[in-house]
PDB file of N, CA and C in Angstrom:
ATOM      1  N   MET A   1      -0.147  -0.699 -15.737  1.00  0.00           N
ATOM      2  CA  MET A   1       0.464  -1.972 -15.482  1.00  0.00           C
ATOM      3  C   MET A   1      -0.325  -2.683 -14.387  1.00  0.00           C
ATOM      4  N   ALA A   2      -0.411  -3.992 -14.495  1.00  0.00           N
ATOM      5  CA  ALA A   2      -1.049  -4.837 -13.485  1.00  0.00           C
ATOM      6  C   ALA A   2      -0.078  -5.963 -13.159  1.00  0.00           C
ATOM      7  N   ALA A   3      -0.036  -6.362 -11.892  1.00  0.00           N
ATOM      8  CA  ALA A   3       0.898  -7.409 -11.479  1.00  0.00           C
ATOM      9  C   ALA A   3       0.250  -8.331 -10.463  1.00  0.00           C
ATOM     10  N   GLY A   4       0.704  -9.566 -10.466  1.00  0.00           N
ATOM     11  CA  GLY A   4       0.296 -10.550  -9.473  1.00  0.00           C
ATOM     12  C   GLY A   4       1.511 -11.341  -9.036  1.00  0.00           C
ATOM     13  N   ARG A   5       1.504 -11.785  -7.787  1.00  0.00           N
ATOM     14  CA  ARG A   5       2.618 -12.574  -7.255  1.00  0.00           C
ATOM     15  C   ARG A   5       2.048 -13.784  -6.533  1.00  0.00           C
ATOM     16  N   TYR A   6       2.717 -14.900  -6.666  1.00  0.00           N
ATOM     17  CA  TYR A   6       2.291 -16.118  -5.997  1.00  0.00           C
ATOM     18  C   TYR A   6       3.365 -16.581  -5.018  1.00  0.00           C
ATOM     19  N   ARG A   7       2.933 -17.381  -4.027  1.00  0.00           N
ATOM     20  CA  ARG A   7       3.854 -17.959  -3.046  1.00  0.00           C
ATOM     21  C   ARG A   7       3.187 -19.188  -2.451  1.00  0.00           C
ATOM     22  N   CYS A   8       3.841 -20.320  -2.569  1.00  0.00           N
ATOM     23  CA  CYS A   8       3.323 -21.566  -2.016  1.00  0.00           C
ATOM     24  C   CYS A   8       4.316 -22.115  -0.997  1.00  0.00           C
ATOM     25  N   ASP A   9       3.800 -22.888  -0.048  1.00  0.00           N
ATOM     26  CA  ASP A   9       4.667 -23.571   0.910  1.00  0.00           C
ATOM     27  C   ASP A   9       5.505 -24.622   0.189  1.00  0.00           C
ATOM     28  N   SER A  10       6.657 -24.947   0.767  1.00  0.00           N
ATOM     29  CA  SER A  10       7.519 -25.986   0.229  1.00  0.00           C
ATOM     30  C   SER A  10       6.811 -27.333   0.377  1.00  0.00           C
ATOM     31  N   PRO A  11       6.855 -28.200  -0.576  1.00  0.00           N
ATOM     32  CA  PRO A  11       7.749 -28.267  -1.727  1.00  0.00           C
ATOM     33  C   PRO A  11       7.236 -27.546  -2.973  1.00  0.00           C
ATOM     34  N   GLY A  12       6.168 -26.783  -2.844  1.00  0.00           N
ATOM     35  CA  GLY A  12       5.611 -26.053  -3.972  1.00  0.00           C
ATOM     36  C   GLY A  12       4.367 -26.718  -4.519  1.00  0.00           C
ATOM     37  N   ALA A  13       3.688 -25.997  -5.370  1.00  0.00           N
ATOM     38  CA  ALA A  13       2.450 -26.495  -5.977  1.00  0.00           C
ATOM     39  C   ALA A  13       2.761 -27.519  -7.058  1.00  0.00           C
ATOM     40  N   ASP A  14       1.863 -28.483  -7.203  1.00  0.00           N
ATOM     41  CA  ASP A  14       1.968 -29.406  -8.337  1.00  0.00           C
ATOM     42  C   ASP A  14       1.777 -28.622  -9.633  1.00  0.00           C
ATOM     43  N   SER A  15       0.839 -27.675  -9.601  1.00  0.00           N
ATOM     44  CA  SER A  15       0.648 -26.755 -10.724  1.00  0.00           C
ATOM     45  C   SER A  15      -0.021 -25.489 -10.216  1.00  0.00           C
ATOM     46  N   LEU A  16       0.307 -24.394 -10.840  1.00  0.00           N
ATOM     47  CA  LEU A  16      -0.288 -23.102 -10.514  1.00  0.00           C
ATOM     48  C   LEU A  16      -0.529 -22.371 -11.823  1.00  0.00           C
ATOM     49  N   THR A  17      -1.747 -21.921 -12.018  1.00  0.00           N
ATOM     50  CA  THR A  17      -2.079 -21.080 -13.166  1.00  0.00           C
ATOM     51  C   THR A  17      -2.649 -19.787 -12.622  1.00  0.00           C
ATOM     52  N   MET A  18      -2.033 -18.675 -12.984  1.00  0.00           N
ATOM     53  CA  MET A  18      -2.467 -17.364 -12.511  1.00  0.00           C
ATOM     54  C   MET A  18      -2.774 -16.493 -13.720  1.00  0.00           C
ATOM     55  N   THR A  19      -3.931 -15.838 -13.684  1.00  0.00           N
ATOM     56  CA  THR A  19      -4.294 -14.895 -14.734  1.00  0.00           C
ATOM     57  C   THR A  19      -4.352 -13.507 -14.126  1.00  0.00           C
ATOM     58  N   VAL A  20      -3.589 -12.587 -14.719  1.00  0.00           N
ATOM     59  CA  VAL A  20      -3.553 -11.193 -14.282  1.00  0.00           C
ATOM     60  C   VAL A  20      -4.386 -10.388 -15.269  1.00  0.00           C
ATOM     61  N   HIS A  21      -5.379  -9.662 -14.750  1.00  0.00           N
ATOM     62  CA  HIS A  21      -6.259  -8.833 -15.571  1.00  0.00           C
ATOM     63  C   HIS A  21      -6.038  -7.368 -15.196  1.00  0.00           C
ATOM     64  N   LEU A  22      -6.006  -6.496 -16.177  1.00  0.00           N
ATOM     65  CA  LEU A  22      -6.062  -5.059 -15.938  1.00  0.00           C
ATOM     66  C   LEU A  22      -7.466  -4.621 -16.319  1.00  0.00           C
ATOM     67  N   GLN A  23      -8.160  -3.992 -15.369  1.00  0.00           N
ATOM     68  CA  GLN A  23      -9.541  -3.581 -15.596  1.00  0.00           C
ATOM     69  C   GLN A  23      -9.672  -2.069 -15.494  1.00  0.00           C
ATOM     70  N   ARG A  24     -10.603  -1.534 -16.290  1.00  0.00           N
ATOM     71  CA  ARG A  24     -10.899  -0.103 -16.283  1.00  0.00           C
ATOM     72  C   ARG A  24     -12.372   0.082 -15.927  1.00  0.00           C
ATOM     73  N   ASN A  25     -12.646   1.077 -15.104  1.00  0.00           N
ATOM     74  CA  ASN A  25     -14.022   1.375 -14.718  1.00  0.00           C
ATOM     75  C   ASN A  25     -14.639   2.250 -15.796  1.00  0.00           C
ATOM     76  N   ASP A  26     -15.732   1.777 -16.396  1.00  0.00           N
ATOM     77  CA  ASP A  26     -16.389   2.550 -17.457  1.00  0.00           C
ATOM     78  C   ASP A  26     -17.519   3.414 -16.910  1.00  0.00           C
ATOM     79  N   GLY A  27     -17.585   3.553 -15.591  1.00  0.00           N
ATOM     80  CA  GLY A  27     -18.611   4.374 -14.969  1.00  0.00           C
ATOM     81  C   GLY A  27     -19.653   3.566 -14.237  1.00  0.00           C
ATOM     82  N   SER A  28     -19.935   2.360 -14.742  1.00  0.00           N
ATOM     83  CA  SER A  28     -20.937   1.529 -14.072  1.00  0.00           C
ATOM     84  C   SER A  28     -20.417   0.143 -13.721  1.00  0.00           C
ATOM     85  N   SER A  29     -19.331  -0.276 -14.366  1.00  0.00           N
ATOM     86  CA  SER A  29     -18.787  -1.607 -14.080  1.00  0.00           C
ATOM     87  C   SER A  29     -17.315  -1.653 -14.484  1.00  0.00           C
ATOM     88  N   TRP A  30     -16.647  -2.714 -14.057  1.00  0.00           N
ATOM     89  CA  TRP A  30     -15.246  -2.938 -14.406  1.00  0.00           C
ATOM     90  C   TRP A  30     -15.173  -3.787 -15.665  1.00  0.00           C
ATOM     91  N   THR A  31     -14.352  -3.343 -16.622  1.00  0.00           N
ATOM     92  CA  THR A  31     -14.168  -4.050 -17.881  1.00  0.00           C
ATOM     93  C   THR A  31     -12.707  -4.451 -18.008  1.00  0.00           C
ATOM     94  N   THR A  32     -12.455  -5.712 -18.320  1.00  0.00           N
ATOM     95  CA  THR A  32     -11.081  -6.175 -18.524  1.00  0.00           C
ATOM     96  C   THR A  32     -10.583  -5.654 -19.864  1.00  0.00           C
ATOM     97  N   ILE A  33      -9.468  -4.910 -19.833  1.00  0.00           N
ATOM     98  CA  ILE A  33      -8.894  -4.380 -21.071  1.00  0.00           C
ATOM     99  C   ILE A  33      -7.663  -5.167 -21.511  1.00  0.00           C
ATOM    100  N   SER A  34      -7.099  -5.949 -20.599  1.00  0.00           N
ATOM    101  CA  SER A  34      -5.971  -6.804 -20.941  1.00  0.00           C
ATOM    102  C   SER A  34      -5.873  -7.905 -19.901  1.00  0.00           C
ATOM    103  N   GLY A  35      -5.394  -9.056 -20.317  1.00  0.00           N
ATOM    104  CA  GLY A  35      -5.212 -10.166 -19.391  1.00  0.00           C
ATOM    105  C   GLY A  35      -4.248 -11.175 -19.967  1.00  0.00           C
ATOM    106  N   GLN A  36      -3.523 -11.835 -19.089  1.00  0.00           N
ATOM    107  CA  GLN A  36      -2.581 -12.853 -19.533  1.00  0.00           C
ATOM    108  C   GLN A  36      -2.449 -13.911 -18.451  1.00  0.00           C
ATOM    109  N   SER A  37      -2.342 -15.183 -18.875  1.00  0.00           N
ATOM    110  CA  SER A  37      -2.184 -16.296 -17.941  1.00  0.00           C
ATOM    111  C   SER A  37      -0.730 -16.740 -17.887  1.00  0.00           C
ATOM    112  N   PHE A  38      -0.330 -17.190 -16.704  1.00  0.00           N
ATOM    113  CA  PHE A  38       1.026 -17.650 -16.450  1.00  0.00           C
ATOM    114  C   PHE A  38       0.939 -18.964 -15.682  1.00  0.00           C
ATOM    115  N   THR A  39       1.923 -19.833 -15.866  1.00  0.00           N
ATOM    116  CA  THR A  39       1.945 -21.102 -15.144  1.00  0.00           C
ATOM    117  C   THR A  39       3.284 -21.289 -14.451  1.00  0.00           C
ATOM    118  N   ALA A  40       3.267 -22.066 -13.371  1.00  0.00           N
ATOM    119  CA  ALA A  40       4.486 -22.414 -12.635  1.00  0.00           C
ATOM    120  C   ALA A  40       4.199 -23.686 -11.857  1.00  0.00           C
ATOM    121  N   ALA A  41       5.263 -24.333 -11.380  1.00  0.00           N
ATOM    122  CA  ALA A  41       5.099 -25.551 -10.584  1.00  0.00           C
ATOM    123  C   ALA A  41       6.340 -25.775  -9.733  1.00  0.00           C
ATOM    124  N   GLY A  42       6.157 -26.584  -8.684  1.00  0.00           N
ATOM    125  CA  GLY A  42       7.275 -27.008  -7.854  1.00  0.00           C
ATOM    126  C   GLY A  42       7.970 -25.873  -7.135  1.00  0.00           C
ATOM    127  N   VAL A  43       9.289 -25.990  -7.031  1.00  0.00           N
ATOM    128  CA  VAL A  43      10.082 -25.020  -6.278  1.00  0.00           C
ATOM    129  C   VAL A  43       9.941 -23.603  -6.835  1.00  0.00           C
ATOM    130  N   ALA A  44       9.586 -23.470  -8.107  1.00  0.00           N
ATOM    131  CA  ALA A  44       9.417 -22.139  -8.714  1.00  0.00           C
ATOM    132  C   ALA A  44       8.271 -21.362  -8.085  1.00  0.00           C
ATOM    133  N   THR A  45       7.411 -22.036  -7.316  1.00  0.00           N
ATOM    134  CA  THR A  45       6.282 -21.359  -6.671  1.00  0.00           C
ATOM    135  C   THR A  45       6.562 -21.007  -5.212  1.00  0.00           C
ATOM    136  N   THR A  46       7.753 -21.315  -4.710  1.00  0.00           N
ATOM    137  CA  THR A  46       8.063 -21.150  -3.282  1.00  0.00           C
ATOM    138  C   THR A  46       8.977 -19.958  -3.026  1.00  0.00           C
ATOM    139  N   LEU A  47       9.207 -19.696  -1.743  1.00  0.00           N
ATOM    140  CA  LEU A  47      10.103 -18.611  -1.340  1.00  0.00           C
ATOM    141  C   LEU A  47      11.564 -18.885  -1.678  1.00  0.00           C
ATOM    142  N   GLN A  48      11.856 -20.064  -2.226  1.00  0.00           N
ATOM    143  CA  GLN A  48      13.215 -20.329  -2.700  1.00  0.00           C
ATOM    144  C   GLN A  48      13.518 -19.509  -3.951  1.00  0.00           C
ATOM    145  N   ARG A  49      12.504 -18.906  -4.520  1.00  0.00           N
ATOM    146  CA  ARG A  49      12.660 -17.993  -5.660  1.00  0.00           C
ATOM    147  C   ARG A  49      12.387 -16.574  -5.181  1.00  0.00           C
ATOM    148  N   ARG A  50      13.115 -15.617  -5.739  1.00  0.00           N
ATOM    149  CA  ARG A  50      12.943 -14.201  -5.360  1.00  0.00           C
ATOM    150  C   ARG A  50      11.550 -13.712  -5.756  1.00  0.00           C
ATOM    151  N   ASN A  51      11.101 -12.643  -5.074  1.00  0.00           N
ATOM    152  CA  ASN A  51       9.810 -12.035  -5.421  1.00  0.00           C
ATOM    153  C   ASN A  51       9.737 -11.729  -6.912  1.00  0.00           C
ATOM    154  N   SER A  52      10.822 -11.199  -7.456  1.00  0.00           N
ATOM    155  CA  SER A  52      10.818 -10.822  -8.878  1.00  0.00           C
ATOM    156  C   SER A  52      10.608 -12.034  -9.783  1.00  0.00           C
ATOM    157  N   GLU A  53      11.005 -13.206  -9.330  1.00  0.00           N
ATOM    158  CA  GLU A  53      10.819 -14.424 -10.121  1.00  0.00           C
ATOM    159  C   GLU A  53       9.409 -14.994  -9.983  1.00  0.00           C
ATOM    160  N   ARG A  54       8.679 -14.560  -8.954  1.00  0.00           N
ATOM    161  CA  ARG A  54       7.320 -15.046  -8.718  1.00  0.00           C
ATOM    162  C   ARG A  54       6.264 -13.988  -9.019  1.00  0.00           C
ATOM    163  N   THR A  55       6.685 -12.873  -9.598  1.00  0.00           N
ATOM    164  CA  THR A  55       5.769 -11.790  -9.946  1.00  0.00           C
ATOM    165  C   THR A  55       5.578 -11.770 -11.455  1.00  0.00           C
ATOM    166  N   ARG A  56       4.341 -11.638 -11.882  1.00  0.00           N
ATOM    167  CA  ARG A  56       4.028 -11.562 -13.308  1.00  0.00           C
ATOM    168  C   ARG A  56       3.286 -10.262 -13.572  1.00  0.00           C
ATOM    169  N   GLN A  57       3.660  -9.578 -14.660  1.00  0.00           N
ATOM    170  CA  GLN A  57       3.090  -8.268 -14.970  1.00  0.00           C
ATOM    171  C   GLN A  57       2.559  -8.236 -16.390  1.00  0.00           C
ATOM    172  N   ILE A  58       1.558  -7.381 -16.574  1.00  0.00           N
ATOM    173  CA  ILE A  58       1.090  -7.042 -17.911  1.00  0.00           C
ATOM    174  C   ILE A  58       1.035  -5.522 -17.989  1.00  0.00           C
ATOM    175  N   ALA A  59       1.133  -4.980 -19.183  1.00  0.00           N
ATOM    176  CA  ALA A  59       1.117  -3.527 -19.345  1.00  0.00           C
ATOM    177  C   ALA A  59       0.364  -3.162 -20.617  1.00  0.00           C
ATOM    178  N   VAL A  60      -0.220  -1.989 -20.592  1.00  0.00           N
ATOM    179  CA  VAL A  60      -0.901  -1.418 -21.751  1.00  0.00           C
ATOM    180  C   VAL A  60      -0.458   0.035 -21.859  1.00  0.00           C
ATOM    181  N   PRO A  61      -0.627   0.664 -23.023  1.00  0.00           N
ATOM    182  CA  PRO A  61      -0.299   2.087 -23.134  1.00  0.00           C
ATOM    183  C   PRO A  61      -1.125   2.905 -22.144  1.00  0.00           C
ATOM    184  N   CYS A  62      -0.532   3.954 -21.630  1.00  0.00           N
ATOM    185  CA  CYS A  62      -1.195   4.792 -20.636  1.00  0.00           C
ATOM    186  C   CYS A  62      -2.402   5.505 -21.248  1.00  0.00           C
ATOM    187  N   ALA A  63      -3.504   5.475 -20.518  1.00  0.00           N
ATOM    188  CA  ALA A  63      -4.724   6.190 -20.898  1.00  0.00           C
ATOM    189  C   ALA A  63      -5.415   6.622 -19.614  1.00  0.00           C
ATOM    190  N   ARG A  64      -5.950   7.833 -19.616  1.00  0.00           N
ATOM    191  CA  ARG A  64      -6.625   8.331 -18.414  1.00  0.00           C
ATOM    192  C   ARG A  64      -7.795   7.432 -18.046  1.00  0.00           C
ATOM    193  N   GLY A  65      -8.036   7.325 -16.750  1.00  0.00           N
ATOM    194  CA  GLY A  65      -9.150   6.515 -16.281  1.00  0.00           C
ATOM    195  C   GLY A  65      -8.874   5.956 -14.903  1.00  0.00           C
ATOM    196  N   ASN A  66      -9.810   5.169 -14.415  1.00  0.00           N
ATOM    197  CA  ASN A  66      -9.695   4.509 -13.124  1.00  0.00           C
ATOM    198  C   ASN A  66      -9.494   3.019 -13.368  1.00  0.00           C
ATOM    199  N   TYR A  67      -8.449   2.459 -12.770  1.00  0.00           N
ATOM    200  CA  TYR A  67      -8.037   1.090 -13.046  1.00  0.00           C
ATOM    201  C   TYR A  67      -7.923   0.269 -11.765  1.00  0.00           C
ATOM    202  N   ARG A  68      -7.941  -1.045 -11.945  1.00  0.00           N
ATOM    203  CA  ARG A  68      -7.610  -1.961 -10.862  1.00  0.00           C
ATOM    204  C   ARG A  68      -7.027  -3.232 -11.477  1.00  0.00           C
ATOM    205  N   THR A  69      -6.369  -4.004 -10.639  1.00  0.00           N
ATOM    206  CA  THR A  69      -5.842  -5.306 -11.021  1.00  0.00           C
ATOM    207  C   THR A  69      -6.754  -6.379 -10.443  1.00  0.00           C
ATOM    208  N   TRP A  70      -7.054  -7.385 -11.243  1.00  0.00           N
ATOM    209  CA  TRP A  70      -7.811  -8.545 -10.779  1.00  0.00           C
ATOM    210  C   TRP A  70      -6.967  -9.773 -11.095  1.00  0.00           C
ATOM    211  N   VAL A  71      -6.678 -10.572 -10.075  1.00  0.00           N
ATOM    212  CA  VAL A  71      -5.861 -11.770 -10.241  1.00  0.00           C
ATOM    213  C   VAL A  71      -6.689 -12.995  -9.864  1.00  0.00           C
ATOM    214  N   GLU A  72      -6.693 -13.976 -10.757  1.00  0.00           N
ATOM    215  CA  GLU A  72      -7.334 -15.269 -10.504  1.00  0.00           C
ATOM    216  C   GLU A  72      -6.245 -16.335 -10.543  1.00  0.00           C
ATOM    217  N   ALA A  73      -6.363 -17.341  -9.693  1.00  0.00           N
ATOM    218  CA  ALA A  73      -5.384 -18.427  -9.720  1.00  0.00           C
ATOM    219  C   ALA A  73      -6.069 -19.747  -9.410  1.00  0.00           C
ATOM    220  N   THR A  74      -5.534 -20.792 -10.022  1.00  0.00           N
ATOM    221  CA  THR A  74      -5.909 -22.160  -9.694  1.00  0.00           C
ATOM    222  C   THR A  74      -4.635 -22.871  -9.274  1.00  0.00           C
ATOM    223  N   VAL A  75      -4.651 -23.406  -8.057  1.00  0.00           N
ATOM    224  CA  VAL A  75      -3.476 -24.066  -7.495  1.00  0.00           C
ATOM    225  C   VAL A  75      -3.834 -25.513  -7.181  1.00  0.00           C
ATOM    226  N   VAL A  76      -3.012 -26.437  -7.673  1.00  0.00           N
ATOM    227  CA  VAL A  76      -3.166 -27.845  -7.331  1.00  0.00           C
ATOM    228  C   VAL A  76      -1.960 -28.228  -6.486  1.00  0.00           C
ATOM    229  N   SER A  77      -2.222 -28.697  -5.264  1.00  0.00           N
ATOM    230  CA  SER A  77      -1.150 -29.070  -4.347  1.00  0.00           C
ATOM    231  C   SER A  77      -1.605 -30.242  -3.492  1.00  0.00           C
ATOM    232  N   ARG A  78      -0.804 -31.293  -3.506  1.00  0.00           N
ATOM    233  CA  ARG A  78      -1.099 -32.491  -2.708  1.00  0.00           C
ATOM    234  C   ARG A  78      -2.503 -33.041  -3.000  1.00  0.00           C
ATOM    235  N   GLY A  79      -2.894 -32.981  -4.269  1.00  0.00           N
ATOM    236  CA  GLY A  79      -4.173 -33.530  -4.689  1.00  0.00           C
ATOM    237  C   GLY A  79      -5.384 -32.647  -4.447  1.00  0.00           C
ATOM    238  N   VAL A  80      -5.165 -31.454  -3.917  1.00  0.00           N
ATOM    239  CA  VAL A  80      -6.267 -30.535  -3.629  1.00  0.00           C
ATOM    240  C   VAL A  80      -6.195 -29.355  -4.595  1.00  0.00           C
ATOM    241  N   THR A  81      -7.321 -29.013  -5.208  1.00  0.00           N
ATOM    242  CA  THR A  81      -7.396 -27.864  -6.110  1.00  0.00           C
ATOM    243  C   THR A  81      -8.063 -26.706  -5.388  1.00  0.00           C
ATOM    244  N   ARG A  82      -7.408 -25.541  -5.437  1.00  0.00           N
ATOM    245  CA  ARG A  82      -7.981 -24.325  -4.835  1.00  0.00           C
ATOM    246  C   ARG A  82      -8.057 -23.251  -5.903  1.00  0.00           C
ATOM    247  N   LYS A  83      -9.146 -22.507  -5.885  1.00  0.00           N
ATOM    248  CA  LYS A  83      -9.314 -21.362  -6.781  1.00  0.00           C
ATOM    249  C   LYS A  83      -9.292 -20.103  -5.930  1.00  0.00           C
ATOM    250  N   LEU A  84      -8.538 -19.111  -6.385  1.00  0.00           N
ATOM    251  CA  LEU A  84      -8.374 -17.857  -5.662  1.00  0.00           C
ATOM    252  C   LEU A  84      -8.707 -16.695  -6.580  1.00  0.00           C
ATOM    253  N   SER A  85      -9.186 -15.602  -5.999  1.00  0.00           N
ATOM    254  CA  SER A  85      -9.508 -14.399  -6.771  1.00  0.00           C
ATOM    255  C   SER A  85      -9.346 -13.186  -5.866  1.00  0.00           C
ATOM    256  N   GLU A  86      -8.575 -12.198  -6.319  1.00  0.00           N
ATOM    257  CA  GLU A  86      -8.341 -10.980  -5.536  1.00  0.00           C
ATOM    258  C   GLU A  86      -8.346  -9.766  -6.457  1.00  0.00           C
ATOM    259  N   ASN A  87      -8.861  -8.647  -5.940  1.00  0.00           N
ATOM    260  CA  ASN A  87      -8.818  -7.363  -6.647  1.00  0.00           C
ATOM    261  C   ASN A  87      -7.921  -6.408  -5.882  1.00  0.00           C
ATOM    262  N   SER A  88      -7.238  -5.550  -6.606  1.00  0.00           N
ATOM    263  CA  SER A  88      -6.480  -4.481  -5.958  1.00  0.00           C
ATOM    264  C   SER A  88      -7.435  -3.328  -5.676  1.00  0.00           C
ATOM    265  N   GLY A  89      -6.953  -2.355  -4.979  1.00  0.00           N
ATOM    266  CA  GLY A  89      -7.723  -1.130  -4.832  1.00  0.00           C
ATOM    267  C   GLY A  89      -7.734  -0.360  -6.140  1.00  0.00           C
ATOM    268  N   GLU A  90      -8.653   0.551  -6.256  1.00  0.00           N
ATOM    269  CA  GLU A  90      -8.768   1.375  -7.457  1.00  0.00           C
ATOM    270  C   GLU A  90      -7.597   2.341  -7.532  1.00  0.00           C
ATOM    271  N   ARG A  91      -7.014   2.481  -8.721  1.00  0.00           N
ATOM    272  CA  ARG A  91      -5.954   3.459  -8.969  1.00  0.00           C
ATOM    273  C   ARG A  91      -6.531   4.545  -9.857  1.00  0.00           C
ATOM    274  N   LEU A  92      -6.510   5.755  -9.365  1.00  0.00           N
ATOM    275  CA  LEU A  92      -7.089   6.873 -10.106  1.00  0.00           C
ATOM    276  C   LEU A  92      -6.055   7.482 -11.035  1.00  0.00           C
ATOM    277  N   ASP A  93      -6.390   7.584 -12.288  1.00  0.00           N
ATOM    278  CA  ASP A  93      -5.593   8.262 -13.307  1.00  0.00           C
ATOM    279  C   ASP A  93      -4.099   7.975 -13.188  1.00  0.00           C
ATOM    280  N   PRO A  94      -3.654   6.772 -13.518  1.00  0.00           N
ATOM    281  CA  PRO A  94      -2.239   6.426 -13.380  1.00  0.00           C
ATOM    282  C   PRO A  94      -1.322   7.168 -14.344  1.00  0.00           C
ATOM    283  N   CYS A  95      -1.885   7.925 -15.281  1.00  0.00           N
ATOM    284  CA  CYS A  95      -1.058   8.643 -16.256  1.00  0.00           C
ATOM    285  C   CYS A  95      -0.471   9.934 -15.699  1.00  0.00           C
ATOM    286  N   SER A  96      -1.045  10.453 -14.635  1.00  0.00           N
ATOM    287  CA  SER A  96      -0.557  11.749 -14.136  1.00  0.00           C
ATOM    288  C   SER A  96       0.569  11.582 -13.155  1.00  0.00           C
TER     289      SER A  96
END
């Protein structure tokens, strides 16, 4: 499973698009095995919504390997567009 969470200052983003990727290490590089994009805007992007309402997850069947989450987001707020990208730490063999 891979998850990403967003949080914007009030009054919230004009638009937010977040893509959550689950990546597997094939020995020499990270390969995306699943990914999904999500959108939100306004108060739905702020702390006025619970963490569970601002968290998006993707899942795949369990398979041995080394995995990480990569989250990309584009946020438009007050006429300014920002692009963000973050990786989680490596998770070793999540099936065990």
